[in-house]
C-alpha atoms as a PDB file:
ATOM      1  CA  UNK A   1    -193.327  62.226 100.876  1.00  0.00           C
ATOM      2  CA  UNK A   2    -189.699  61.252 102.753  1.00  0.00           C
ATOM      3  CA  UNK A   3    -188.609  64.085 104.861  1.00  0.00           C
ATOM      4  CA  UNK A   4    -185.080  65.195 103.967  1.00  0.00           C
ATOM      5  CA  UNK A   5    -182.204  63.795 106.065  1.00  0.00           C
ATOM      6  CA  UNK A   6    -180.302  66.485 107.497  1.00  0.00           C
ATOM      7  CA  UNK A   7    -176.056  65.814 107.983  1.00  0.00           C
ATOM      8  CA  UNK A   8    -174.389  66.238 111.110  1.00  0.00           C
ATOM      9  CA  UNK A   9    -171.132  67.415 111.719  1.00  0.00           C
ATOM     10  CA  UNK A  10    -168.219  70.404 111.735  1.00  0.00           C
ATOM     11  CA  UNK A  11    -168.324  72.888 108.766  1.00  0.00           C
ATOM     12  CA  UNK A  12    -165.080  74.464 107.749  1.00  0.00           C
ATOM     13  CA  UNK A  13    -165.408  77.711 109.164  1.00  0.00           C
ATOM     14  CA  UNK A  14    -166.502  75.725 112.412  1.00  0.00           C
ATOM     15  CA  UNK A  15    -162.821  74.050 111.996  1.00  0.00           C
ATOM     16  CA  UNK A  16    -161.139  77.110 111.276  1.00  0.00           C
ATOM     17  CA  UNK A  17    -162.171  78.730 113.993  1.00  0.00           C
ATOM     18  CA  UNK A  18    -161.476  76.266 116.549  1.00  0.00           C
ATOM     19  CA  UNK A  19    -157.591  75.990 114.813  1.00  0.00           C
ATOM     20  CA  UNK A  20    -157.055  79.347 115.061  1.00  0.00           C
ATOM     21  CA  UNK A  21    -158.281  79.424 118.520  1.00  0.00           C
ATOM     22  CA  UNK A  22    -155.786  76.502 119.255  1.00  0.00           C
ATOM     23  CA  UNK A  23    -153.277  78.556 117.663  1.00  0.00           C
ATOM     24  CA  UNK A  24    -153.603  81.461 119.982  1.00  0.00           C
ATOM     25  CA  UNK A  25    -153.581  79.300 123.290  1.00  0.00           C
ATOM     26  CA  UNK A  26    -150.049  77.801 122.146  1.00  0.00           C
ATOM     27  CA  UNK A  27    -148.595  81.243 121.218  1.00  0.00           C
ATOM     28  CA  UNK A  28    -149.421  82.130 124.637  1.00  0.00           C
ATOM     29  CA  UNK A  29    -148.444  79.511 126.526  1.00  0.00           C
ATOM     30  CA  UNK A  30    -145.042  79.439 124.480  1.00  0.00           C
ATOM     31  CA  UNK A  31    -144.705  83.366 125.228  1.00  0.00           C
ATOM     32  CA  UNK A  32    -145.426  82.387 129.393  1.00  0.00           C
ATOM     33  CA  UNK A  33    -142.574  79.658 128.799  1.00  0.00           C
ATOM     34  CA  UNK A  34    -140.307  82.625 127.638  1.00  0.00           C
ATOM     35  CA  UNK A  35    -140.803  84.360 130.302  1.00  0.00           C
ATOM     36  CA  UNK A  36    -140.183  81.993 133.034  1.00  0.00           C
ATOM     37  CA  UNK A  37    -137.026  80.450 130.972  1.00  0.00           C
ATOM     38  CA  UNK A  38    -136.034  84.222 130.764  1.00  0.00           C
ATOM     39  CA  UNK A  39    -136.497  84.421 134.889  1.00  0.00           C
ATOM     40  CA  UNK A  40    -134.749  81.474 135.760  1.00  0.00           C
ATOM     41  CA  UNK A  41    -131.683  81.703 133.379  1.00  0.00           C
ATOM     42  CA  UNK A  42    -131.223  85.823 135.013  1.00  0.00           C
ATOM     43  CA  UNK A  43    -132.205  84.583 138.426  1.00  0.00           C
ATOM     44  CA  UNK A  44    -129.255  81.018 138.078  1.00  0.00           C
ATOM     45  CA  UNK A  45    -126.955  83.867 136.123  1.00  0.00           C
ATOM     46  CA  UNK A  46    -127.520  86.219 139.248  1.00  0.00           C
ATOM     47  CA  UNK A  47    -126.895  83.903 141.787  1.00  0.00           C
ATOM     48  CA  UNK A  48    -123.325  82.212 139.756  1.00  0.00           C
ATOM     49  CA  UNK A  49    -122.399  85.670 139.565  1.00  0.00           C
ATOM     50  CA  UNK A  50    -122.916  86.860 143.388  1.00  0.00           C
ATOM     51  CA  UNK A  51    -121.038  84.137 144.142  1.00  0.00           C
ATOM     52  CA  UNK A  52    -118.492  84.948 141.889  1.00  0.00           C
ATOM     53  CA  UNK A  53    -118.365  88.064 143.572  1.00  0.00           C
ATOM     54  CA  UNK A  54    -117.716  87.319 146.770  1.00  0.00           C
ATOM     55  CA  UNK A  55    -114.881  84.759 146.020  1.00  0.00           C
ATOM     56  CA  UNK A  56    -113.705  87.433 143.600  1.00  0.00           C
ATOM     57  CA  UNK A  57    -113.227  90.464 146.115  1.00  0.00           C
ATOM     58  CA  UNK A  58    -112.359  87.952 148.727  1.00  0.00           C
ATOM     59  CA  UNK A  59    -109.187  86.684 146.673  1.00  0.00           C
ATOM     60  CA  UNK A  60    -108.332  90.463 145.778  1.00  0.00           C
ATOM     61  CA  UNK A  61    -108.557  91.296 150.034  1.00  0.00           C
ATOM     62  CA  UNK A  62    -106.007  89.052 150.273  1.00  0.00           C
ATOM     63  CA  UNK A  63    -103.829  89.436 147.387  1.00  0.00           C
ATOM     64  CA  UNK A  64    -104.189  93.350 148.673  1.00  0.00           C
ATOM     65  CA  UNK A  65    -102.968  92.187 151.966  1.00  0.00           C
ATOM     66  CA  UNK A  66     -99.215  91.752 150.943  1.00  0.00           C
ATOM     67  CA  UNK A  67     -99.058  95.188 149.711  1.00  0.00           C
ATOM     68  CA  UNK A  68     -95.726  97.102 151.349  1.00  0.00           C
ATOM     69  CA  UNK A  69     -94.275  93.606 152.765  1.00  0.00           C
ATOM     70  CA  UNK A  70     -90.678  93.983 153.039  1.00  0.00           C
ATOM     71  CA  UNK A  71     -90.633  97.742 152.353  1.00  0.00           C
ATOM     72  CA  UNK A  72     -89.848 100.603 155.299  1.00  0.00           C
ATOM     73  CA  UNK A  73     -91.900 103.289 155.360  1.00  0.00           C
ATOM     74  CA  UNK A  74     -93.949 101.868 152.579  1.00  0.00           C
ATOM     75  CA  UNK A  75     -95.983 105.092 151.451  1.00  0.00           C
ATOM     76  CA  UNK A  76     -98.860 106.013 148.940  1.00  0.00           C
ATOM     77  CA  UNK A  77     -97.420 106.860 145.648  1.00  0.00           C
ATOM     78  CA  UNK A  78     -94.558 104.551 145.436  1.00  0.00           C
ATOM     79  CA  UNK A  79     -95.454 100.723 146.961  1.00  0.00           C
ATOM     80  CA  UNK A  80     -99.343 101.612 146.283  1.00  0.00           C
ATOM     81  CA  UNK A  81    -101.561 103.908 143.924  1.00  0.00           C
ATOM     82  CA  UNK A  82    -104.681 104.031 142.374  1.00  0.00           C
ATOM     83  CA  UNK A  83    -105.731 104.664 138.734  1.00  0.00           C
ATOM     84  CA  UNK A  84    -108.829 105.770 136.919  1.00  0.00           C
ATOM     85  CA  UNK A  85    -110.139 105.143 133.675  1.00  0.00           C
ATOM     86  CA  UNK A  86    -108.156 101.848 133.352  1.00  0.00           C
ATOM     87  CA  UNK A  87    -107.950  99.976 130.473  1.00  0.00           C
ATOM     88  CA  UNK A  88    -105.728  96.873 129.641  1.00  0.00           C
ATOM     89  CA  UNK A  89    -104.309  96.160 126.334  1.00  0.00           C
ATOM     90  CA  UNK A  90    -101.276  94.007 125.524  1.00  0.00           C
ATOM     91  CA  UNK A  91    -100.802  92.990 128.656  1.00  0.00           C
ATOM     92  CA  UNK A  92    -100.030  96.760 129.825  1.00  0.00           C
ATOM     93  CA  UNK A  93    -102.223  99.141 131.920  1.00  0.00           C
ATOM     94  CA  UNK A  94    -103.291 102.581 130.702  1.00  0.00           C
ATOM     95  CA  UNK A  95    -104.786 105.190 133.034  1.00  0.00           C
ATOM     96  CA  UNK A  96    -104.988 107.749 134.748  1.00  0.00           C
ATOM     97  CA  UNK A  97    -102.553 107.647 138.270  1.00  0.00           C
ATOM     98  CA  UNK A  98    -104.670 109.178 141.597  1.00  0.00           C
ATOM     99  CA  UNK A  99    -101.221 110.911 142.971  1.00  0.00           C
ATOM    100  CA  UNK A 100    -103.345 112.041 146.413  1.00  0.00           C
ATOM    101  CA  UNK A 101    -105.661 110.225 148.951  1.00  0.00           C
ATOM    102  CA  UNK A 102    -108.502 110.130 148.406  1.00  0.00           C
ATOM    103  CA  UNK A 103    -107.871 108.211 145.453  1.00  0.00           C
ATOM    104  CA  UNK A 104    -110.878 106.040 143.415  1.00  0.00           C
ATOM    105  CA  UNK A 105    -111.047 104.758 140.142  1.00  0.00           C
ATOM    106  CA  UNK A 106    -110.770 101.285 138.255  1.00  0.00           C
ATOM    107  CA  UNK A 107    -107.649  99.787 139.283  1.00  0.00           C
ATOM    108  CA  UNK A 108    -104.977  99.771 141.910  1.00  0.00           C
ATOM    109  CA  UNK A 109    -101.212  98.826 141.712  1.00  0.00           C
ATOM    110  CA  UNK A 110     -98.593  97.906 144.915  1.00  0.00           C
ATOM    111  CA  UNK A 111     -95.523  96.902 145.031  1.00  0.00           C
ATOM    112  CA  UNK A 112     -94.152  93.689 147.247  1.00  0.00           C
ATOM    113  CA  UNK A 113     -90.254  93.732 147.840  1.00  0.00           C
ATOM    114  CA  UNK A 114     -89.222  94.421 144.268  1.00  0.00           C
ATOM    115  CA  UNK A 115     -92.197  92.615 142.666  1.00  0.00           C
ATOM    116  CA  UNK A 116     -95.456  94.616 141.617  1.00  0.00           C
ATOM    117  CA  UNK A 117     -99.029  93.151 141.216  1.00  0.00           C
ATOM    118  CA  UNK A 118    -101.941  94.696 140.485  1.00  0.00           C
ATOM    119  CA  UNK A 119    -106.165  94.728 140.143  1.00  0.00           C
ATOM    120  CA  UNK A 120    -107.742  96.006 137.450  1.00  0.00           C
ATOM    121  CA  UNK A 121    -111.985  95.740 136.440  1.00  0.00           C
ATOM    122  CA  UNK A 122    -112.160  96.540 133.049  1.00  0.00           C
ATOM    123  CA  UNK A 123    -114.474  94.617 130.012  1.00  0.00           C
ATOM    124  CA  UNK A 124    -116.376  93.821 132.867  1.00  0.00           C
ATOM    125  CA  UNK A 125    -113.566  91.586 133.853  1.00  0.00           C
ATOM    126  CA  UNK A 126    -111.644  91.563 137.044  1.00  0.00           C
ATOM    127  CA  UNK A 127    -108.363  90.927 136.500  1.00  0.00           C
ATOM    128  CA  UNK A 128    -105.418  90.066 139.161  1.00  0.00           C
ATOM    129  CA  UNK A 129    -102.419  91.212 137.646  1.00  0.00           C
ATOM    130  CA  UNK A 130     -98.545  90.118 138.013  1.00  0.00           C
ATOM    131  CA  UNK A 131     -95.100  90.302 136.667  1.00  0.00           C
ATOM    132  CA  UNK A 132     -91.961  88.767 136.753  1.00  0.00           C
ATOM    133  CA  UNK A 133     -89.764  92.148 135.821  1.00  0.00           C
ATOM    134  CA  UNK A 134     -88.186  93.983 138.434  1.00  0.00           C
ATOM    135  CA  UNK A 135     -90.330  96.655 140.357  1.00  0.00           C
ATOM    136  CA  UNK A 136     -88.917  99.550 142.119  1.00  0.00           C
ATOM    137  CA  UNK A 137     -91.410 101.775 142.231  1.00  0.00           C
ATOM    138  CA  UNK A 138     -95.801 100.734 141.739  1.00  0.00           C
ATOM    139  CA  UNK A 139     -96.559 104.561 140.688  1.00  0.00           C
ATOM    140  CA  UNK A 140     -93.981 104.339 137.817  1.00  0.00           C
ATOM    141  CA  UNK A 141     -94.902 100.760 136.887  1.00  0.00           C
ATOM    142  CA  UNK A 142     -98.332 101.246 136.666  1.00  0.00           C
ATOM    143  CA  UNK A 143     -98.690 102.228 133.456  1.00  0.00           C
ATOM    144  CA  UNK A 144     -95.273 100.567 131.886  1.00  0.00           C
ATOM    145  CA  UNK A 145     -94.381  97.453 133.523  1.00  0.00           C
ATOM    146  CA  UNK A 146     -95.376  94.885 130.989  1.00  0.00           C
ATOM    147  CA  UNK A 147     -97.459  92.226 132.908  1.00  0.00           C
ATOM    148  CA  UNK A 148     -96.843  88.492 132.296  1.00  0.00           C
ATOM    149  CA  UNK A 149     -99.607  87.036 134.344  1.00  0.00           C
ATOM    150  CA  UNK A 150    -103.328  88.406 133.918  1.00  0.00           C
ATOM    151  CA  UNK A 151    -105.484  85.897 135.918  1.00  0.00           C
ATOM    152  CA  UNK A 152    -109.687  86.806 136.088  1.00  0.00           C
ATOM    153  CA  UNK A 153    -110.892  86.788 139.211  1.00  0.00           C
ATOM    154  CA  UNK A 154    -114.762  87.861 137.964  1.00  0.00           C
ATOM    155  CA  UNK A 155    -116.551  88.174 135.047  1.00  0.00           C
ATOM    156  CA  UNK A 156    -119.956  89.472 134.201  1.00  0.00           C
ATOM    157  CA  UNK A 157    -122.548  87.509 133.416  1.00  0.00           C
ATOM    158  CA  UNK A 158    -124.032  90.271 130.789  1.00  0.00           C
ATOM    159  CA  UNK A 159    -127.852  91.136 130.224  1.00  0.00           C
ATOM    160  CA  UNK A 160    -129.421  92.466 133.806  1.00  0.00           C
ATOM    161  CA  UNK A 161    -126.543  90.948 135.364  1.00  0.00           C
ATOM    162  CA  UNK A 162    -123.250  93.469 134.599  1.00  0.00           C
ATOM    163  CA  UNK A 163    -121.646  94.693 137.408  1.00  0.00           C
ATOM    164  CA  UNK A 164    -119.190  97.525 137.743  1.00  0.00           C
ATOM    165  CA  UNK A 165    -116.185  97.578 140.340  1.00  0.00           C
ATOM    166  CA  UNK A 166    -114.811 100.858 141.899  1.00  0.00           C
ATOM    167  CA  UNK A 167    -111.366 100.586 143.739  1.00  0.00           C
ATOM    168  CA  UNK A 168    -110.971 103.325 146.646  1.00  0.00           C
ATOM    169  CA  UNK A 169    -107.772 104.407 148.547  1.00  0.00           C
ATOM    170  CA  UNK A 170    -108.301 106.415 151.725  1.00  0.00           C
ATOM    171  CA  UNK A 171    -105.845 107.581 154.182  1.00  0.00           C
ATOM    172  CA  UNK A 172    -106.600 106.985 157.990  1.00  0.00           C
ATOM    173  CA  UNK A 173    -105.840 104.638 161.301  1.00  0.00           C
ATOM    174  CA  UNK A 174    -107.041 100.742 161.088  1.00  0.00           C
ATOM    175  CA  UNK A 175    -106.733  97.656 162.645  1.00  0.00           C
ATOM    176  CA  UNK A 176    -105.965  94.700 160.402  1.00  0.00           C
ATOM    177  CA  UNK A 177    -107.931  91.359 161.378  1.00  0.00           C
ATOM    178  CA  UNK A 178    -109.420  92.952 163.972  1.00  0.00           C
ATOM    179  CA  UNK A 179    -106.101  93.250 165.714  1.00  0.00           C
ATOM    180  CA  UNK A 180    -105.594  95.826 168.817  1.00  0.00           C
ATOM    181  CA  UNK A 181    -102.096  96.248 169.205  1.00  0.00           C
ATOM    182  CA  UNK A 182    -100.925  96.932 165.926  1.00  0.00           C
ATOM    183  CA  UNK A 183    -102.576  99.634 162.915  1.00  0.00           C
ATOM    184  CA  UNK A 184    -102.765 100.564 159.313  1.00  0.00           C
ATOM    185  CA  UNK A 185    -102.624 103.743 157.917  1.00  0.00           C
ATOM    186  CA  UNK A 186    -104.181 102.936 154.456  1.00  0.00           C
ATOM    187  CA  UNK A 187    -107.285 101.314 153.832  1.00  0.00           C
ATOM    188  CA  UNK A 188    -108.652  99.965 149.940  1.00  0.00           C
ATOM    189  CA  UNK A 189    -112.229  99.384 149.488  1.00  0.00           C
ATOM    190  CA  UNK A 190    -113.167  97.085 146.749  1.00  0.00           C
ATOM    191  CA  UNK A 191    -117.174  97.665 145.672  1.00  0.00           C
ATOM    192  CA  UNK A 192    -118.844  95.852 143.042  1.00  0.00           C
ATOM    193  CA  UNK A 193    -122.610  97.666 141.800  1.00  0.00           C
ATOM    194  CA  UNK A 194    -125.396  96.038 139.586  1.00  0.00           C
ATOM    195  CA  UNK A 195    -125.872  97.813 136.367  1.00  0.00           C
ATOM    196  CA  UNK A 196    -128.879  97.549 133.961  1.00  0.00           C
ATOM    197  CA  UNK A 197    -128.920  96.236 130.542  1.00  0.00           C
ATOM    198  CA  UNK A 198    -128.429 100.288 129.369  1.00  0.00           C
ATOM    199  CA  UNK A 199    -125.278  99.869 132.025  1.00  0.00           C
ATOM    200  CA  UNK A 200    -127.185 102.498 134.616  1.00  0.00           C
ATOM    201  CA  UNK A 201    -127.138 101.627 138.419  1.00  0.00           C
ATOM    202  CA  UNK A 202    -129.622  99.378 139.461  1.00  0.00           C
ATOM    203  CA  UNK A 203    -130.373 100.201 142.565  1.00  0.00           C
ATOM    204  CA  UNK A 204    -132.867  97.399 143.006  1.00  0.00           C
ATOM    205  CA  UNK A 205    -130.290  95.524 143.842  1.00  0.00           C
ATOM    206  CA  UNK A 206    -127.810  95.854 146.879  1.00  0.00           C
ATOM    207  CA  UNK A 207    -124.167  97.018 146.569  1.00  0.00           C
ATOM    208  CA  UNK A 208    -121.393  94.669 147.635  1.00  0.00           C
ATOM    209  CA  UNK A 209    -118.611  95.989 149.268  1.00  0.00           C
ATOM    210  CA  UNK A 210    -115.308  94.946 150.622  1.00  0.00           C
ATOM    211  CA  UNK A 211    -112.519  96.785 152.578  1.00  0.00           C
ATOM    212  CA  UNK A 212    -108.698  95.874 153.614  1.00  0.00           C
ATOM    213  CA  UNK A 213    -106.520  97.546 156.044  1.00  0.00           C
ATOM    214  CA  UNK A 214    -102.902  97.413 154.914  1.00  0.00           C
ATOM    215  CA  UNK A 215    -100.780  96.675 158.110  1.00  0.00           C
ATOM    216  CA  UNK A 216     -97.551  97.235 156.091  1.00  0.00           C
ATOM    217  CA  UNK A 217     -98.184 100.945 155.721  1.00  0.00           C
ATOM    218  CA  UNK A 218     -97.716 101.892 158.933  1.00  0.00           C
ATOM    219  CA  UNK A 219     -99.633 104.996 160.494  1.00  0.00           C
ATOM    220  CA  UNK A 220     -97.629 108.182 162.025  1.00  0.00           C
ATOM    221  CA  UNK A 221     -96.551 108.331 165.575  1.00  0.00           C
ATOM    222  CA  UNK A 222     -97.041 110.519 168.061  1.00  0.00           C
END
């Protein structure tokens, strides 16, 4: 009697197990790719934001150096003020004017001759403000003047690349541009801090401080 020939091949169960393992491998690879892509994008956004911050803070310093220009006896409260809890809506600022030094907040308004300018950090964006309206007192104009131009200096990338910028005005003799034969009496500090996705301070990333000595605010003579 002839022996029975056995069939060679892959059973349906073996084929299904092979397909399942292949799917698991593909899913694992997609997960790794997604994680790598997110890290790459976040790193790119972080680098872009750092560049924006450096450029934006430098531009803010240059703008602030004109505070008190062509004004005799410029002083805090009249020619420059810091505001806290400030928002920008319909081209007007709303916030609390810090009447004494040191003053900290998220906005600063100053006067150059008869024109007012401002910087405000709101909605993850640092804006430079200017107006064509006459301005005789920065403290009064801070929350009343209509700003005719709002220029974005820095904009956050969102996610893990959120920022907060604090403005601090401090009294005390300072030397603008390293000059030794003249001194100002007011310093404005702009400090950018990184926030995590929950809005809390990200201590793993260094802050970016920036200070400017205002030469048009003279130190009192002895």
